[in-house]
Amino acid sequence: MSQRKRKHIPMIEIAASALADKLSIYEREIAKERRLPAREVVRLFTPDHLDLHCLGGVDRWYNLDMRRRGPDLKSKDQLDTSRAAKVRRINEKWAPFMRAIAAGRKPPKKQSRWPKRKLWSRRRQNVQQRGKSKRSRA
């Protein structure tokens, strides 16, 4: 009986082997018994960015986590989307201010939509103080 020559191991088989370690013991045993193809094992997972891609996260192995597909991943995706949108809104709001500060100048004050008027309590104090000063001169 001649011995089979050893060829290289396909990348999909290596990936399936690594991802099978993330399965529970029960699921892994079922996959072994049924001899699921490597593609089926890989299809159970999807890559997820640790640092969001839209916020500068890279598509490298150290920024990716293979997560199990399912409702948990869908809810995490929705949370990630809302977080990214909030970061963008905040950045757009503060961008002119941060640019002015970085350039070393004071940013202009925005015009308030509320009219300026003196507070009545301060106005009374000022009137009373003026009245006292006029009396003391006489």
N, C-alpha and C. Protein backbone atom coordinates (compact mmCIF):
# COMPACT_ATOMS: atom_id res chain seq x y z
N MET A 1 0.84 -1.18 0.00
CA MET A 1 0.00 0.00 0.00
C MET A 1 0.89 1.24 0.00
N SER A 2 0.72 2.09 -0.99
CA SER A 2 1.55 3.29 -1.07
C SER A 2 0.96 4.39 -0.21
N GLN A 3 1.84 5.17 0.34
CA GLN A 3 1.42 6.24 1.23
C GLN A 3 1.02 7.45 0.39
N ARG A 4 -0.06 8.10 0.78
CA ARG A 4 -0.56 9.28 0.07
C ARG A 4 0.42 10.43 0.24
N LYS A 5 0.69 11.16 -0.85
CA LYS A 5 1.57 12.33 -0.75
C LYS A 5 0.84 13.46 -0.04
N ARG A 6 1.59 14.16 0.76
CA ARG A 6 0.99 15.26 1.50
C ARG A 6 1.03 16.50 0.64
N LYS A 7 -0.14 17.14 0.45
CA LYS A 7 -0.24 18.38 -0.28
C LYS A 7 -0.47 19.51 0.72
N HIS A 8 -0.55 20.72 0.22
CA HIS A 8 -0.82 21.83 1.13
C HIS A 8 -2.27 21.75 1.60
N ILE A 9 -2.53 22.30 2.76
CA ILE A 9 -3.89 22.30 3.32
C ILE A 9 -4.59 23.56 2.81
N PRO A 10 -5.76 23.41 2.20
CA PRO A 10 -6.48 24.58 1.69
C PRO A 10 -6.81 25.57 2.82
N MET A 11 -6.81 26.84 2.49
CA MET A 11 -7.05 27.90 3.48
C MET A 11 -8.44 27.76 4.11
N ILE A 12 -9.43 27.34 3.34
CA ILE A 12 -10.78 27.19 3.89
C ILE A 12 -10.81 26.13 4.99
N GLU A 13 -10.01 25.09 4.85
CA GLU A 13 -9.94 24.05 5.89
C GLU A 13 -9.28 24.58 7.15
N ILE A 14 -8.26 25.39 6.98
CA ILE A 14 -7.58 25.99 8.14
C ILE A 14 -8.54 26.94 8.86
N ALA A 15 -9.26 27.75 8.09
CA ALA A 15 -10.21 28.69 8.68
C ALA A 15 -11.32 27.95 9.42
N ALA A 16 -11.84 26.87 8.81
CA ALA A 16 -12.91 26.10 9.44
C ALA A 16 -12.41 25.46 10.74
N SER A 17 -11.18 24.99 10.73
CA SER A 17 -10.61 24.39 11.93
C SER A 17 -10.50 25.42 13.05
N ALA A 18 -10.03 26.62 12.71
CA ALA A 18 -9.90 27.67 13.73
C ALA A 18 -11.26 28.12 14.24
N LEU A 19 -12.22 28.24 13.35
CA LEU A 19 -13.55 28.70 13.76
C LEU A 19 -14.32 27.63 14.53
N ALA A 20 -14.03 26.36 14.27
CA ALA A 20 -14.70 25.29 15.00
C ALA A 20 -14.38 25.36 16.49
N ASP A 21 -13.24 25.95 16.83
CA ASP A 21 -12.89 26.12 18.25
C ASP A 21 -13.82 27.10 18.95
N LYS A 22 -14.46 27.97 18.19
CA LYS A 22 -15.40 28.92 18.78
C LYS A 22 -16.79 28.33 18.98
N LEU A 23 -17.04 27.18 18.39
CA LEU A 23 -18.32 26.51 18.59
C LEU A 23 -18.36 25.87 19.97
N SER A 24 -19.58 25.62 20.45
CA SER A 24 -19.69 24.91 21.72
C SER A 24 -19.26 23.45 21.50
N ILE A 25 -18.94 22.75 22.56
CA ILE A 25 -18.49 21.36 22.45
C ILE A 25 -19.55 20.51 21.76
N TYR A 26 -20.80 20.72 22.13
CA TYR A 26 -21.91 19.97 21.54
C TYR A 26 -21.99 20.20 20.03
N GLU A 27 -21.93 21.47 19.61
CA GLU A 27 -22.01 21.78 18.18
C GLU A 27 -20.81 21.23 17.42
N ARG A 28 -19.66 21.29 18.03
CA ARG A 28 -18.45 20.78 17.38
C ARG A 28 -18.56 19.27 17.15
N GLU A 29 -19.07 18.55 18.15
CA GLU A 29 -19.23 17.11 18.02
C GLU A 29 -20.22 16.75 16.91
N ILE A 30 -21.31 17.50 16.83
CA ILE A 30 -22.30 17.27 15.77
C ILE A 30 -21.67 17.51 14.40
N ALA A 31 -20.89 18.60 14.29
CA ALA A 31 -20.24 18.90 13.01
C ALA A 31 -19.27 17.80 12.62
N LYS A 32 -18.56 17.25 13.60
CA LYS A 32 -17.62 16.16 13.31
C LYS A 32 -18.36 14.90 12.88
N GLU A 33 -19.43 14.56 13.60
CA GLU A 33 -20.20 13.36 13.26
C GLU A 33 -20.78 13.43 11.86
N ARG A 34 -21.33 14.59 11.52
CA ARG A 34 -21.96 14.77 10.21
C ARG A 34 -20.94 15.07 9.12
N ARG A 35 -19.69 15.29 9.53
CA ARG A 35 -18.61 15.66 8.61
C ARG A 35 -19.03 16.83 7.71
N LEU A 36 -19.44 17.90 8.38
CA LEU A 36 -19.85 19.11 7.66
C LEU A 36 -18.70 19.62 6.82
N PRO A 37 -18.98 20.09 5.62
CA PRO A 37 -17.92 20.67 4.80
C PRO A 37 -17.39 21.95 5.46
N ALA A 38 -16.17 22.31 5.13
CA ALA A 38 -15.52 23.49 5.72
C ALA A 38 -16.33 24.75 5.44
N ARG A 39 -16.91 24.85 4.25
CA ARG A 39 -17.71 26.03 3.91
C ARG A 39 -18.89 26.21 4.87
N GLU A 40 -19.52 25.13 5.26
CA GLU A 40 -20.66 25.22 6.17
C GLU A 40 -20.23 25.75 7.54
N VAL A 41 -19.08 25.32 8.01
CA VAL A 41 -18.57 25.79 9.31
C VAL A 41 -18.23 27.27 9.21
N VAL A 42 -17.59 27.67 8.13
CA VAL A 42 -17.21 29.07 7.96
C VAL A 42 -18.44 29.95 7.82
N ARG A 43 -19.50 29.45 7.18
CA ARG A 43 -20.73 30.22 7.00
C ARG A 43 -21.44 30.53 8.31
N LEU A 44 -21.13 29.82 9.35
CA LEU A 44 -21.75 30.09 10.64
C LEU A 44 -21.25 31.39 11.26
N PHE A 45 -20.14 31.92 10.75
CA PHE A 45 -19.50 33.10 11.34
C PHE A 45 -19.42 34.23 10.34
N THR A 46 -19.27 35.42 10.87
CA THR A 46 -19.07 36.60 10.03
C THR A 46 -18.05 37.51 10.72
N PRO A 47 -17.20 38.20 9.94
CA PRO A 47 -16.21 39.08 10.58
C PRO A 47 -16.87 40.34 11.14
N ASP A 48 -16.41 40.75 12.29
CA ASP A 48 -16.93 41.95 12.94
C ASP A 48 -15.74 42.81 13.34
N HIS A 49 -15.82 44.11 13.05
CA HIS A 49 -14.72 45.02 13.39
C HIS A 49 -14.74 45.35 14.88
N LEU A 50 -13.60 45.31 15.51
CA LEU A 50 -13.49 45.73 16.90
C LEU A 50 -13.55 47.25 16.97
N ASP A 51 -12.70 47.93 16.19
CA ASP A 51 -12.79 49.38 16.00
C ASP A 51 -13.58 49.57 14.70
N LEU A 52 -14.67 50.30 14.78
CA LEU A 52 -15.56 50.42 13.63
C LEU A 52 -14.81 50.91 12.39
N HIS A 53 -15.11 50.33 11.27
CA HIS A 53 -14.45 50.66 10.01
C HIS A 53 -14.70 52.12 9.64
N CYS A 54 -15.92 52.61 9.85
CA CYS A 54 -16.25 53.98 9.48
C CYS A 54 -15.55 55.01 10.38
N LEU A 55 -15.02 54.56 11.51
CA LEU A 55 -14.29 55.46 12.41
C LEU A 55 -12.79 55.24 12.35
N GLY A 56 -12.33 54.61 11.27
CA GLY A 56 -10.89 54.45 11.08
C GLY A 56 -10.36 53.07 11.39
N GLY A 57 -11.22 52.11 11.70
CA GLY A 57 -10.77 50.74 11.94
C GLY A 57 -10.30 50.11 10.64
N VAL A 58 -9.28 49.28 10.72
CA VAL A 58 -8.70 48.69 9.52
C VAL A 58 -9.22 47.27 9.31
N ASP A 59 -9.08 46.78 8.08
CA ASP A 59 -9.51 45.43 7.74
C ASP A 59 -8.36 44.46 7.90
N ARG A 60 -7.74 44.43 9.04
CA ARG A 60 -6.63 43.51 9.32
C ARG A 60 -7.07 42.52 10.39
N TRP A 61 -6.35 41.44 10.52
CA TRP A 61 -6.72 40.37 11.43
C TRP A 61 -6.83 40.84 12.87
N TYR A 62 -6.01 41.81 13.26
CA TYR A 62 -6.01 42.26 14.66
C TYR A 62 -7.20 43.15 14.99
N ASN A 63 -7.94 43.60 13.98
CA ASN A 63 -9.13 44.42 14.22
C ASN A 63 -10.42 43.65 13.91
N LEU A 64 -10.31 42.38 13.57
CA LEU A 64 -11.48 41.59 13.22
C LEU A 64 -11.72 40.51 14.27
N ASP A 65 -12.98 40.28 14.54
CA ASP A 65 -13.38 39.21 15.44
C ASP A 65 -14.47 38.43 14.72
N MET A 66 -14.28 37.13 14.60
CA MET A 66 -15.28 36.31 13.93
C MET A 66 -16.41 36.04 14.92
N ARG A 67 -17.60 36.52 14.60
CA ARG A 67 -18.76 36.40 15.49
C ARG A 67 -19.76 35.44 14.89
N ARG A 68 -20.47 34.78 15.74
CA ARG A 68 -21.52 33.86 15.33
C ARG A 68 -22.69 34.65 14.76
N ARG A 69 -23.20 34.25 13.62
CA ARG A 69 -24.35 34.93 13.03
C ARG A 69 -25.58 34.66 13.86
N GLY A 70 -26.45 35.65 13.95
CA GLY A 70 -27.69 35.47 14.70
C GLY A 70 -28.26 36.79 15.17
N PRO A 71 -29.28 36.76 16.01
CA PRO A 71 -29.93 38.00 16.46
C PRO A 71 -29.01 38.88 17.31
N ASP A 72 -28.08 38.27 18.04
CA ASP A 72 -27.16 39.08 18.85
C ASP A 72 -26.30 39.96 17.97
N LEU A 73 -25.83 39.40 16.88
CA LEU A 73 -24.99 40.17 15.95
C LEU A 73 -25.78 41.28 15.28
N LYS A 74 -27.04 41.00 14.94
CA LYS A 74 -27.88 42.03 14.32
C LYS A 74 -28.09 43.21 15.26
N SER A 75 -28.35 42.93 16.54
CA SER A 75 -28.56 44.02 17.50
C SER A 75 -27.26 44.80 17.71
N LYS A 76 -26.11 44.11 17.70
CA LYS A 76 -24.83 44.80 17.83
C LYS A 76 -24.58 45.70 16.62
N ASP A 77 -24.94 45.22 15.42
CA ASP A 77 -24.78 46.04 14.22
C ASP A 77 -25.62 47.31 14.30
N GLN A 78 -26.84 47.20 14.81
CA GLN A 78 -27.69 48.37 14.95
C GLN A 78 -27.10 49.36 15.95
N LEU A 79 -26.56 48.84 17.06
CA LEU A 79 -25.93 49.72 18.04
C LEU A 79 -24.70 50.40 17.46
N ASP A 80 -23.90 49.64 16.70
CA ASP A 80 -22.71 50.21 16.08
C ASP A 80 -23.09 51.32 15.11
N THR A 81 -24.16 51.12 14.35
CA THR A 81 -24.60 52.12 13.39
C THR A 81 -25.02 53.40 14.10
N SER A 82 -25.78 53.28 15.19
CA SER A 82 -26.21 54.48 15.91
C SER A 82 -25.03 55.17 16.57
N ARG A 83 -24.05 54.40 17.08
CA ARG A 83 -22.86 55.02 17.67
C ARG A 83 -22.06 55.78 16.63
N ALA A 84 -21.89 55.19 15.47
CA ALA A 84 -21.14 55.85 14.40
C ALA A 84 -21.84 57.13 13.97
N ALA A 85 -23.17 57.10 13.87
CA ALA A 85 -23.92 58.29 13.48
C ALA A 85 -23.78 59.39 14.53
N LYS A 86 -23.79 59.01 15.79
CA LYS A 86 -23.64 60.00 16.86
C LYS A 86 -22.26 60.64 16.82
N VAL A 87 -21.24 59.83 16.61
CA VAL A 87 -19.88 60.36 16.53
C VAL A 87 -19.77 61.35 15.37
N ARG A 88 -20.36 61.01 14.25
CA ARG A 88 -20.33 61.92 13.09
C ARG A 88 -21.06 63.22 13.39
N ARG A 89 -22.22 63.14 14.03
CA ARG A 89 -22.98 64.35 14.37
C ARG A 89 -22.18 65.25 15.29
N ILE A 90 -21.55 64.66 16.30
CA ILE A 90 -20.76 65.45 17.25
C ILE A 90 -19.56 66.07 16.54
N ASN A 91 -18.89 65.30 15.70
CA ASN A 91 -17.73 65.83 14.97
C ASN A 91 -18.13 66.97 14.05
N GLU A 92 -19.26 66.85 13.37
CA GLU A 92 -19.71 67.93 12.48
C GLU A 92 -20.06 69.18 13.28
N LYS A 93 -20.63 69.00 14.45
CA LYS A 93 -21.03 70.14 15.27
C LYS A 93 -19.80 70.89 15.80
N TRP A 94 -18.78 70.16 16.23
CA TRP A 94 -17.63 70.78 16.87
C TRP A 94 -16.46 71.03 15.93
N ALA A 95 -16.55 70.65 14.68
CA ALA A 95 -15.42 70.80 13.75
C ALA A 95 -14.97 72.25 13.60
N PRO A 96 -15.85 73.23 13.37
CA PRO A 96 -15.38 74.62 13.23
C PRO A 96 -14.66 75.13 14.49
N PHE A 97 -15.21 74.78 15.65
CA PHE A 97 -14.60 75.21 16.91
C PHE A 97 -13.21 74.60 17.06
N MET A 98 -13.07 73.31 16.79
CA MET A 98 -11.77 72.64 16.95
C MET A 98 -10.76 73.17 15.94
N ARG A 99 -11.20 73.48 14.72
CA ARG A 99 -10.29 74.05 13.72
C ARG A 99 -9.78 75.42 14.17
N ALA A 100 -10.68 76.24 14.73
CA ALA A 100 -10.29 77.57 15.19
C ALA A 100 -9.30 77.47 16.35
N ILE A 101 -9.55 76.58 17.28
CA ILE A 101 -8.64 76.39 18.41
C ILE A 101 -7.28 75.90 17.94
N ALA A 102 -7.27 74.96 16.99
CA ALA A 102 -6.01 74.42 16.47
C ALA A 102 -5.22 75.50 15.74
N ALA A 103 -5.93 76.44 15.12
CA ALA A 103 -5.26 77.52 14.40
C ALA A 103 -4.79 78.62 15.35
N GLY A 104 -5.19 78.55 16.61
CA GLY A 104 -4.73 79.52 17.61
C GLY A 104 -5.58 80.77 17.68
N ARG A 105 -6.79 80.73 17.18
CA ARG A 105 -7.65 81.90 17.28
C ARG A 105 -8.93 81.53 18.01
N LYS A 106 -9.53 82.56 18.57
CA LYS A 106 -10.76 82.34 19.31
C LYS A 106 -11.92 82.28 18.31
N PRO A 107 -12.73 81.24 18.40
CA PRO A 107 -13.84 81.13 17.44
C PRO A 107 -14.89 82.20 17.71
N PRO A 108 -15.55 82.68 16.66
CA PRO A 108 -16.57 83.72 16.87
C PRO A 108 -17.77 83.15 17.63
N LYS A 109 -18.37 84.02 18.46
CA LYS A 109 -19.55 83.58 19.21
C LYS A 109 -20.75 83.54 18.27
N LYS A 110 -21.59 82.55 18.47
CA LYS A 110 -22.80 82.46 17.67
C LYS A 110 -23.85 83.41 18.22
N GLN A 111 -24.62 83.99 17.32
CA GLN A 111 -25.71 84.88 17.72
C GLN A 111 -26.81 84.06 18.37
N SER A 112 -27.22 84.45 19.54
CA SER A 112 -28.28 83.73 20.24
C SER A 112 -29.63 84.07 19.62
N ARG A 113 -30.52 83.12 19.63
CA ARG A 113 -31.85 83.40 19.09
C ARG A 113 -32.74 84.09 20.12
N TRP A 114 -32.26 84.20 21.35
CA TRP A 114 -33.02 84.86 22.40
C TRP A 114 -32.55 86.31 22.51
N PRO A 115 -33.48 87.26 22.64
CA PRO A 115 -33.06 88.66 22.76
C PRO A 115 -32.35 88.92 24.08
N LYS A 116 -31.41 89.85 24.06
CA LYS A 116 -30.70 90.19 25.29
C LYS A 116 -31.50 91.24 26.04
N ARG A 117 -31.69 91.02 27.30
CA ARG A 117 -32.35 92.00 28.15
C ARG A 117 -31.82 91.84 29.56
N LYS A 118 -31.85 92.90 30.28
CA LYS A 118 -31.32 92.88 31.63
C LYS A 118 -32.26 92.13 32.55
N LEU A 119 -31.70 91.50 33.54
CA LEU A 119 -32.52 90.84 34.54
C LEU A 119 -33.09 91.89 35.46
N TRP A 120 -34.35 91.76 35.83
CA TRP A 120 -35.02 92.76 36.64
C TRP A 120 -34.39 92.92 38.01
N SER A 121 -33.93 91.83 38.59
CA SER A 121 -33.36 91.95 39.93
C SER A 121 -32.07 92.76 39.89
N ARG A 122 -31.25 92.58 38.88
CA ARG A 122 -30.01 93.35 38.76
C ARG A 122 -30.31 94.81 38.42
N ARG A 123 -31.35 95.02 37.64
CA ARG A 123 -31.70 96.38 37.25
C ARG A 123 -32.11 97.18 38.49
N ARG A 124 -32.89 96.56 39.37
CA ARG A 124 -33.32 97.23 40.60
C ARG A 124 -32.12 97.56 41.49
N GLN A 125 -31.18 96.61 41.59
CA GLN A 125 -29.99 96.85 42.41
C GLN A 125 -29.20 98.03 41.86
N ASN A 126 -29.04 98.10 40.54
CA ASN A 126 -28.29 99.20 39.94
C ASN A 126 -28.99 100.53 40.17
N VAL A 127 -30.31 100.56 40.06
CA VAL A 127 -31.08 101.79 40.28
C VAL A 127 -30.94 102.21 41.74
N GLN A 128 -31.01 101.28 42.68
CA GLN A 128 -30.90 101.60 44.09
C GLN A 128 -29.50 102.14 44.41
N GLN A 129 -28.47 101.54 43.81
CA GLN A 129 -27.10 102.00 44.07
C GLN A 129 -26.89 103.40 43.50
N ARG A 130 -27.45 103.67 42.34
CA ARG A 130 -27.32 105.00 41.74
C ARG A 130 -28.02 106.05 42.61
N GLY A 131 -29.17 105.66 43.12
CA GLY A 131 -29.93 106.59 43.98
C GLY A 131 -29.17 106.91 45.24
N LYS A 132 -28.50 106.00 45.87
CA LYS A 132 -27.72 106.20 47.07
C LYS A 132 -26.54 107.11 46.79
N SER A 133 -25.91 106.90 45.65
CA SER A 133 -24.74 107.73 45.33
C SER A 133 -25.13 109.17 45.08
N LYS A 134 -26.30 109.42 44.49
CA LYS A 134 -26.75 110.78 44.24
C LYS A 134 -27.10 111.47 45.56
N ARG A 135 -27.69 110.75 46.50
CA ARG A 135 -28.06 111.33 47.79
C ARG A 135 -26.84 111.69 48.61
N SER A 136 -25.81 110.82 48.50
CA SER A 136 -24.62 111.06 49.32
C SER A 136 -23.84 112.27 48.81
N ARG A 137 -23.97 112.63 47.53
CA ARG A 137 -23.27 113.79 46.98
C ARG A 137 -23.87 115.07 47.49
N ALA A 138 -25.14 115.08 47.72
CA ALA A 138 -25.82 116.32 48.09
C ALA A 138 -25.59 116.73 49.49
